[in-house]
Amino acid sequence: MASDNPLVRLGALGQSPWYDFITRELIATGELRALISEDGLLGMTSNPTIFEKAIASSADYDDDIRRLAAEGHGAEEIFEALAIADVRAACDAFRAVYERTGGADGLVSLEVSPTLARDGAATEAAARRLWAAVARPNLMIKIPGTVEGLGAIERCIADGINVNVTLLFSVARHEAVMEAYLRGLERRAAAGQPLDHVASVASFFVSRVDTKVDPMLERAGRADLRGTIAIANACLAYAAFERVFRGARWAALAGRGARVQRPLWASTSTKDPALPDVYYVEALIAPETVNTLPPETFAAYRDHGAPQVRIAEGSETATERLAALAAAGIDLDTVTRELAAEGVDKFAASFRSLLSGIDSKAGALAG
């Protein structure tokens, strides 16, 4: 592992680079093991959109789809079987990282069906089923950070299930998620259960904020603020994280071996061609964080990243930038609420498209 590799240096600065991508080919060919050994890759995330592309664009899954369909399984059961197999294999590839880091990294995320995002009880039941089915200690179950999901997050943490809380756009919701994590740990501690191998991240989405806000800024005559609001919003989320995990309440849990719920920067690929391709990655380097990178951004950062802790630079101007946004007549709370709803709908649509694609493929393979 070359120490001059920018991705390796990210890890040395306290930010864990994770891969926002999974395919059977990536694991089977040894490419994933190379990313771990050569680039310091420390974890992996997945979502329905990623699985949809992997299954639709590859013949690697055809034999399993044919067999499972012939056994009478429906599209959703087939998908779960495929996803569980891939995630198990990825967990095994990351197991040495998990052991070496004491459970802090080497984690692989699998998402509950996003169609359940507004149903906390169904989300919790799905999370428990997937946790038991994968049966790997370095699995993380992705649960949407909706209001309805907060109770499921708390109860899963209380029972020792690792949770990646996804689709966070607002600082207020991030704070509610951290509270759910603390309550879950406190319930676990009260039951006399160990805390040291319960892991959680809070996936805070970044570039989508600018994608939505920048056209509004243009119309308001504040183009000078383009490309700055998403970073400012994330900097305030990091400040909230520092407040929550530095107090006396946290100290009592940390004394029992609990680990912080790290902010995970999601959606850090650059959508605006006027900005550098590693723009959001560079701006949000901070200790005790994760950045999940799609393959293109991962490769770009390996090629020309310049790692340095920069979170303080963005934090200095964050409040001022958000005040300027409000003065321009743009309400960030409304924006983040809309983004969260759109995110749930987008992933649910991808999931339905994925199932439709499996149905079509199963039919074609049977024919």
Protein backbone atom coordinates (compact mmCIF):
# COMPACT_ATOMS: atom_id res chain seq x y z
CA MET A 1 0.00 0.00 0.00
CA ALA A 2 1.81 3.11 -1.26
CA SER A 3 1.94 5.89 1.34
CA ASP A 4 1.91 8.53 -1.43
CA ASN A 5 -1.47 7.29 -2.70
CA PRO A 6 -3.94 10.12 -1.93
CA LEU A 7 -6.60 7.58 -0.90
CA VAL A 8 -4.24 5.97 1.61
CA ARG A 9 -3.37 9.41 2.94
CA LEU A 10 -7.08 10.15 3.42
CA GLY A 11 -7.25 7.20 5.78
CA ALA A 12 -4.20 8.45 7.66
CA LEU A 13 -5.97 11.79 8.19
CA GLY A 14 -8.92 10.06 9.86
CA GLN A 15 -11.30 9.91 6.90
CA SER A 16 -12.18 6.42 5.69
CA PRO A 17 -12.58 6.04 1.91
CA TRP A 18 -15.41 3.64 1.09
CA TYR A 19 -16.56 2.45 -2.34
CA ASP A 20 -20.08 3.34 -3.46
CA PHE A 21 -20.38 0.41 -5.81
CA ILE A 22 -20.74 -3.38 -5.80
CA THR A 23 -20.86 -6.05 -8.49
CA ARG A 24 -20.20 -9.77 -8.49
CA GLU A 25 -17.43 -9.24 -11.06
CA LEU A 26 -15.66 -6.72 -8.83
CA ILE A 27 -15.46 -9.33 -6.08
CA ALA A 28 -14.84 -12.46 -8.18
CA THR A 29 -12.00 -11.02 -10.26
CA GLY A 30 -9.98 -9.91 -7.25
CA GLU A 31 -10.39 -6.22 -8.14
CA LEU A 32 -11.96 -5.51 -4.76
CA ARG A 33 -9.05 -7.11 -2.90
CA ALA A 34 -6.66 -4.97 -4.98
CA LEU A 35 -8.55 -1.80 -4.04
CA ILE A 36 -8.24 -2.80 -0.39
CA SER A 37 -4.56 -3.72 -0.51
CA GLU A 38 -3.32 -1.01 -2.90
CA ASP A 39 -5.67 1.95 -2.38
CA GLY A 40 -6.48 1.66 1.30
CA LEU A 41 -10.18 1.06 0.63
CA LEU A 42 -11.88 0.66 4.02
CA GLY A 43 -15.53 -0.15 3.29
CA MET A 44 -18.34 -0.39 0.76
CA THR A 45 -21.88 0.85 0.27
CA SER A 46 -24.65 -0.25 -2.06
CA ASN A 47 -28.14 0.88 -2.99
CA PRO A 48 -30.91 -0.28 -5.34
CA THR A 49 -29.63 1.87 -8.22
CA ILE A 50 -26.20 0.23 -7.99
CA PHE A 51 -27.68 -3.28 -7.93
CA GLU A 52 -30.04 -2.42 -10.78
CA LYS A 53 -27.11 -1.45 -13.02
CA ALA A 54 -25.03 -4.45 -11.95
CA ILE A 55 -27.73 -7.05 -12.61
CA ALA A 56 -29.07 -5.49 -15.82
CA SER A 57 -25.66 -4.95 -17.45
CA SER A 58 -24.08 -8.31 -16.64
CA ALA A 59 -24.63 -11.98 -17.37
CA ASP A 60 -22.93 -12.86 -14.08
CA TYR A 61 -26.29 -13.26 -12.35
CA ASP A 62 -28.13 -15.13 -15.10
CA ASP A 63 -27.60 -18.67 -13.81
CA ASP A 64 -28.83 -17.74 -10.36
CA ILE A 65 -31.82 -15.85 -11.72
CA ARG A 66 -32.75 -18.83 -13.93
CA ARG A 67 -32.42 -21.28 -11.03
CA LEU A 68 -34.28 -19.16 -8.48
CA ALA A 69 -37.10 -18.39 -10.91
CA ALA A 70 -37.43 -22.08 -11.73
CA GLU A 71 -37.75 -22.77 -8.00
CA GLY A 72 -40.75 -20.45 -7.95
CA HIS A 73 -39.19 -17.37 -6.33
CA GLY A 74 -40.55 -13.94 -7.20
CA ALA A 75 -38.46 -10.95 -8.29
CA GLU A 76 -38.00 -9.53 -4.79
CA GLU A 77 -36.90 -12.88 -3.37
CA ILE A 78 -34.50 -13.34 -6.28
CA PHE A 79 -33.04 -9.88 -5.72
CA GLU A 80 -32.53 -10.52 -2.01
CA ALA A 81 -30.77 -13.79 -2.72
CA LEU A 82 -28.43 -12.13 -5.25
CA ALA A 83 -27.73 -9.14 -3.00
CA ILE A 84 -27.12 -11.29 0.07
CA ALA A 85 -24.63 -13.45 -1.84
CA ASP A 86 -22.70 -10.40 -3.11
CA VAL A 87 -22.71 -8.63 0.23
CA ARG A 88 -21.56 -11.76 2.07
CA ALA A 89 -18.66 -12.11 -0.36
CA ALA A 90 -17.76 -8.43 0.06
CA CYS A 91 -17.93 -8.75 3.86
CA ASP A 92 -15.52 -11.67 3.64
CA ALA A 93 -13.14 -9.65 1.45
CA PHE A 94 -13.18 -6.84 4.02
CA ARG A 95 -12.97 -9.13 7.07
CA ALA A 96 -9.22 -8.55 7.60
CA VAL A 97 -9.80 -4.77 7.53
CA TYR A 98 -12.61 -5.17 10.05
CA GLU A 99 -10.38 -7.17 12.39
CA ARG A 100 -7.39 -4.85 11.95
CA THR A 101 -9.44 -1.73 12.76
CA GLY A 102 -11.26 -3.29 15.69
CA GLY A 103 -14.60 -3.09 13.91
CA ALA A 104 -14.33 0.59 12.96
CA ASP A 105 -14.00 -0.13 9.22
CA GLY A 106 -14.21 -3.06 6.84
CA LEU A 107 -18.00 -2.62 6.79
CA VAL A 108 -20.34 -3.34 3.87
CA SER A 109 -23.82 -1.80 3.63
CA LEU A 110 -27.01 -3.46 2.40
CA GLU A 111 -30.20 -1.41 2.16
CA VAL A 112 -33.67 -2.43 3.25
CA SER A 113 -36.26 -1.95 0.54
CA PRO A 114 -36.71 1.82 0.09
CA THR A 115 -40.39 1.18 -0.58
CA LEU A 116 -40.67 0.69 3.20
CA ALA A 117 -39.18 4.09 4.08
CA ARG A 118 -42.47 5.44 5.48
CA ASP A 119 -43.19 2.29 7.51
CA GLY A 120 -40.96 2.00 10.56
CA ALA A 121 -42.20 -1.42 11.68
CA ALA A 122 -41.72 -2.97 8.22
CA THR A 123 -38.29 -1.34 7.90
CA GLU A 124 -37.23 -2.79 11.24
CA ALA A 125 -38.50 -6.27 10.33
CA ALA A 126 -36.62 -6.15 7.01
CA ALA A 127 -33.45 -4.94 8.74
CA ARG A 128 -33.56 -7.85 11.18
CA ARG A 129 -34.22 -10.37 8.40
CA LEU A 130 -31.31 -9.13 6.27
CA TRP A 131 -28.97 -8.97 9.27
CA ALA A 132 -29.73 -12.60 10.10
CA ALA A 133 -29.53 -13.73 6.46
CA VAL A 134 -26.11 -12.20 5.72
CA ALA A 135 -24.78 -13.30 9.12
CA ARG A 136 -21.56 -11.31 9.03
CA PRO A 137 -20.39 -9.02 11.88
CA ASN A 138 -19.12 -6.43 9.39
CA LEU A 139 -22.50 -5.97 7.70
CA MET A 140 -24.26 -2.63 7.98
CA ILE A 141 -27.99 -2.35 7.36
CA LYS A 142 -28.99 0.84 5.56
CA ILE A 143 -32.13 2.42 7.00
CA PRO A 144 -33.54 5.67 5.56
CA GLY A 145 -33.38 8.54 8.05
CA THR A 146 -37.07 9.33 7.74
CA VAL A 147 -39.12 10.31 10.78
CA GLU A 148 -40.71 6.88 10.59
CA GLY A 149 -37.29 5.21 10.57
CA LEU A 150 -35.96 6.76 13.79
CA GLY A 151 -37.52 4.17 16.07
CA ALA A 152 -36.23 1.32 13.89
CA ILE A 153 -32.73 2.80 14.07
CA GLU A 154 -32.86 3.02 17.86
CA ARG A 155 -34.15 -0.54 18.31
CA CYS A 156 -31.70 -2.06 15.84
CA ILE A 157 -28.78 -0.36 17.58
CA ALA A 158 -30.10 -1.55 20.95
CA ASP A 159 -30.00 -5.11 19.61
CA GLY A 160 -26.46 -4.78 18.26
CA ILE A 161 -27.28 -4.41 14.55
CA ASN A 162 -24.87 -2.12 12.70
CA VAL A 163 -26.79 0.68 10.99
CA ASN A 164 -25.97 3.03 8.12
CA VAL A 165 -28.61 5.77 8.32
CA THR A 166 -29.09 7.07 4.81
CA LEU A 167 -30.70 9.99 2.96
CA LEU A 168 -29.85 12.74 5.44
CA PHE A 169 -29.93 16.27 4.05
CA SER A 170 -30.67 18.52 7.02
CA VAL A 171 -28.70 19.20 10.18
CA ALA A 172 -31.90 18.90 12.25
CA ARG A 173 -32.58 15.37 10.96
CA HIS A 174 -28.93 14.47 11.48
CA GLU A 175 -29.30 15.55 15.11
CA ALA A 176 -32.42 13.39 15.49
CA VAL A 177 -30.53 10.41 14.06
CA MET A 178 -27.64 10.90 16.49
CA GLU A 179 -30.17 11.03 19.33
CA ALA A 180 -31.68 7.73 18.13
CA TYR A 181 -28.19 6.21 18.10
CA LEU A 182 -27.45 7.39 21.64
CA ARG A 183 -30.78 6.08 22.91
CA GLY A 184 -30.13 2.73 21.28
CA LEU A 185 -26.72 2.49 22.93
CA GLU A 186 -28.17 3.51 26.30
CA ARG A 187 -30.83 0.83 26.04
CA ARG A 188 -28.16 -1.70 25.17
CA ALA A 189 -25.98 -0.59 28.09
CA ALA A 190 -28.94 -0.77 30.49
CA ALA A 191 -29.49 -4.37 29.37
CA GLY A 192 -25.88 -5.18 30.21
CA GLN A 193 -24.93 -5.77 26.56
CA PRO A 194 -21.49 -4.85 25.14
CA LEU A 195 -21.19 -1.68 23.08
CA ASP A 196 -17.73 -2.03 21.57
CA HIS A 197 -18.69 -3.69 18.28
CA VAL A 198 -21.83 -1.72 17.46
CA ALA A 199 -21.03 0.46 14.45
CA SER A 200 -23.10 3.19 12.82
CA VAL A 201 -22.66 5.97 10.28
CA ALA A 202 -24.97 8.85 9.39
CA SER A 203 -24.96 9.29 5.60
CA PHE A 204 -25.23 13.01 4.91
CA PHE A 205 -25.82 13.84 1.24
CA VAL A 206 -23.81 16.68 -0.22
CA SER A 207 -23.76 17.57 -3.93
CA ARG A 208 -27.50 17.11 -4.45
CA VAL A 209 -28.02 20.20 -2.29
CA ASP A 210 -26.07 22.37 -4.74
CA THR A 211 -27.78 20.71 -7.72
CA LYS A 212 -31.11 21.91 -6.33
CA VAL A 213 -30.03 25.26 -4.89
CA ASP A 214 -27.70 26.59 -7.60
CA PRO A 215 -30.44 27.33 -10.18
CA MET A 216 -32.39 29.12 -7.45
CA LEU A 217 -29.34 31.22 -6.64
CA GLU A 218 -28.98 32.16 -10.32
CA ARG A 219 -32.57 33.35 -10.41
CA ALA A 220 -32.08 35.30 -7.16
CA GLY A 221 -29.01 37.10 -8.55
CA ARG A 222 -26.61 35.36 -6.15
CA ALA A 223 -24.58 33.26 -8.57
CA ASP A 224 -21.56 34.06 -6.39
CA LEU A 225 -22.88 31.48 -3.90
CA ARG A 226 -23.05 28.65 -6.45
CA GLY A 227 -21.30 25.49 -5.31
CA THR A 228 -20.96 26.66 -1.68
CA ILE A 229 -24.21 25.79 0.11
CA ALA A 230 -23.84 22.01 0.16
CA ILE A 231 -20.41 22.26 1.79
CA ALA A 232 -21.64 24.84 4.30
CA ASN A 233 -24.57 22.58 5.20
CA ALA A 234 -22.25 19.58 5.66
CA CYS A 235 -19.85 21.64 7.79
CA LEU A 236 -22.70 22.48 10.17
CA ALA A 237 -23.62 18.78 10.30
CA TYR A 238 -20.02 18.02 11.29
CA ALA A 239 -20.17 20.73 13.98
CA ALA A 240 -23.32 19.06 15.35
CA PHE A 241 -21.50 15.71 15.37
CA GLU A 242 -18.64 17.24 17.37
CA ARG A 243 -21.07 18.69 19.92
CA VAL A 244 -22.97 15.44 20.43
CA PHE A 245 -19.93 13.20 20.72
CA ARG A 246 -17.91 15.37 23.05
CA GLY A 247 -20.33 15.80 25.99
CA ALA A 248 -20.77 14.05 29.32
CA ARG A 249 -23.59 11.88 28.01
CA TRP A 250 -21.32 10.50 25.34
CA ALA A 251 -18.41 10.08 27.75
CA ALA A 252 -20.45 7.62 29.83
CA LEU A 253 -21.07 5.46 26.74
CA ALA A 254 -17.53 5.82 25.43
CA GLY A 255 -16.30 4.60 28.79
CA ARG A 256 -18.10 1.35 28.05
CA GLY A 257 -16.44 1.00 24.66
CA ALA A 258 -18.98 2.71 22.41
CA ARG A 259 -17.75 4.25 19.18
CA VAL A 260 -19.03 7.47 17.63
CA GLN A 261 -21.60 7.46 14.84
CA ARG A 262 -19.37 8.90 12.12
CA PRO A 263 -20.72 11.29 9.51
CA LEU A 264 -20.52 9.65 6.10
CA TRP A 265 -20.37 12.10 3.20
CA ALA A 266 -22.56 10.68 0.43
CA SER A 267 -23.24 12.09 -3.03
CA THR A 268 -19.74 13.57 -3.26
CA SER A 269 -19.31 13.19 -7.01
CA THR A 270 -19.35 16.55 -8.77
CA LYS A 271 -22.45 17.20 -10.87
CA ASP A 272 -21.53 20.74 -12.04
CA PRO A 273 -18.94 20.52 -14.87
CA ALA A 274 -17.65 23.96 -13.87
CA LEU A 275 -16.32 22.49 -10.60
CA PRO A 276 -13.32 20.14 -10.14
CA ASP A 277 -14.17 16.44 -10.11
CA VAL A 278 -12.91 16.02 -6.53
CA TYR A 279 -14.36 19.32 -5.29
CA TYR A 280 -16.60 17.91 -2.54
CA VAL A 281 -14.10 15.29 -1.42
CA GLU A 282 -11.37 17.86 -0.84
CA ALA A 283 -13.62 20.30 1.02
CA LEU A 284 -14.94 17.80 3.56
CA ILE A 285 -11.82 15.97 4.76
CA ALA A 286 -12.20 15.71 8.52
CA PRO A 287 -11.27 13.32 11.34
CA GLU A 288 -13.76 10.59 12.27
CA THR A 289 -15.63 10.72 8.97
CA VAL A 290 -16.27 8.45 6.00
CA ASN A 291 -16.50 9.41 2.33
CA THR A 292 -18.23 6.91 0.06
CA LEU A 293 -16.96 7.41 -3.48
CA PRO A 294 -18.38 6.11 -6.76
CA PRO A 295 -15.75 4.47 -9.00
CA GLU A 296 -15.13 7.54 -11.17
CA THR A 297 -14.55 9.84 -8.19
CA PHE A 298 -12.47 7.17 -6.45
CA ALA A 299 -10.19 6.90 -9.53
CA ALA A 300 -9.99 10.69 -9.88
CA TYR A 301 -8.95 11.11 -6.26
CA ARG A 302 -6.32 8.40 -6.59
CA ASP A 303 -4.96 10.29 -9.60
CA HIS A 304 -4.91 13.89 -8.37
CA GLY A 305 -6.31 14.20 -4.86
CA ALA A 306 -4.51 16.52 -2.43
CA PRO A 307 -5.43 15.27 1.06
CA GLN A 308 -5.47 17.82 3.85
CA VAL A 309 -7.94 18.37 6.68
CA ARG A 310 -10.04 21.28 5.39
CA ILE A 311 -13.28 21.10 7.37
CA ALA A 312 -12.30 24.14 9.44
CA GLU A 313 -11.99 26.30 6.31
CA GLY A 314 -15.57 25.58 5.29
CA SER A 315 -16.84 25.86 8.85
CA GLU A 316 -15.51 29.41 9.20
CA THR A 317 -17.86 30.71 6.50
CA ALA A 318 -20.73 28.18 6.76
CA THR A 319 -23.08 30.26 8.92
CA GLU A 320 -22.45 33.36 6.82
CA ARG A 321 -23.18 31.50 3.57
CA LEU A 322 -26.43 30.05 4.87
CA ALA A 323 -27.48 33.47 6.13
CA ALA A 324 -26.85 34.84 2.62
CA LEU A 325 -28.96 32.00 1.21
CA ALA A 326 -31.85 32.94 3.50
CA ALA A 327 -31.43 36.61 2.60
CA ALA A 328 -31.79 35.62 -1.07
CA GLY A 329 -35.23 34.22 -0.20
CA ILE A 330 -34.26 30.53 -0.31
CA ASP A 331 -35.37 28.42 2.64
CA LEU A 332 -32.87 25.62 3.23
CA ASP A 333 -35.29 23.66 5.42
CA THR A 334 -37.74 23.47 2.53
CA VAL A 335 -34.97 22.47 0.14
CA THR A 336 -33.68 19.65 2.35
CA ARG A 337 -37.21 18.40 3.06
CA GLU A 338 -37.86 18.18 -0.68
CA LEU A 339 -34.52 16.47 -1.30
CA ALA A 340 -35.21 13.84 1.36
CA ALA A 341 -38.65 13.08 -0.15
CA GLU A 342 -37.18 12.98 -3.65
CA GLY A 343 -34.40 10.68 -2.45
CA VAL A 344 -36.87 8.19 -1.00
CA ASP A 345 -38.93 8.31 -4.19
CA LYS A 346 -35.87 7.94 -6.42
CA PHE A 347 -34.55 4.87 -4.59
CA ALA A 348 -38.04 3.34 -4.46
CA ALA A 349 -38.38 3.86 -8.22
CA SER A 350 -34.97 2.26 -8.76
CA PHE A 351 -36.03 -0.69 -6.61
CA ARG A 352 -39.22 -1.20 -8.61
CA SER A 353 -37.26 -0.89 -11.85
CA LEU A 354 -34.77 -3.42 -10.52
CA LEU A 355 -37.55 -5.92 -9.76
CA SER A 356 -39.11 -5.33 -13.17
CA GLY A 357 -35.72 -5.97 -14.79
CA ILE A 358 -35.31 -9.22 -12.86
CA ASP A 359 -38.80 -10.31 -13.93
CA SER A 360 -37.98 -9.59 -17.57
CA LYS A 361 -34.61 -11.33 -17.37
CA ALA A 362 -36.11 -14.37 -15.63
CA GLY A 363 -38.71 -14.63 -18.38
CA ALA A 364 -36.13 -14.33 -21.14
CA LEU A 365 -33.82 -16.88 -19.51
CA ALA A 366 -36.67 -19.33 -19.05
CA GLY A 367 -37.62 -18.90 -22.68
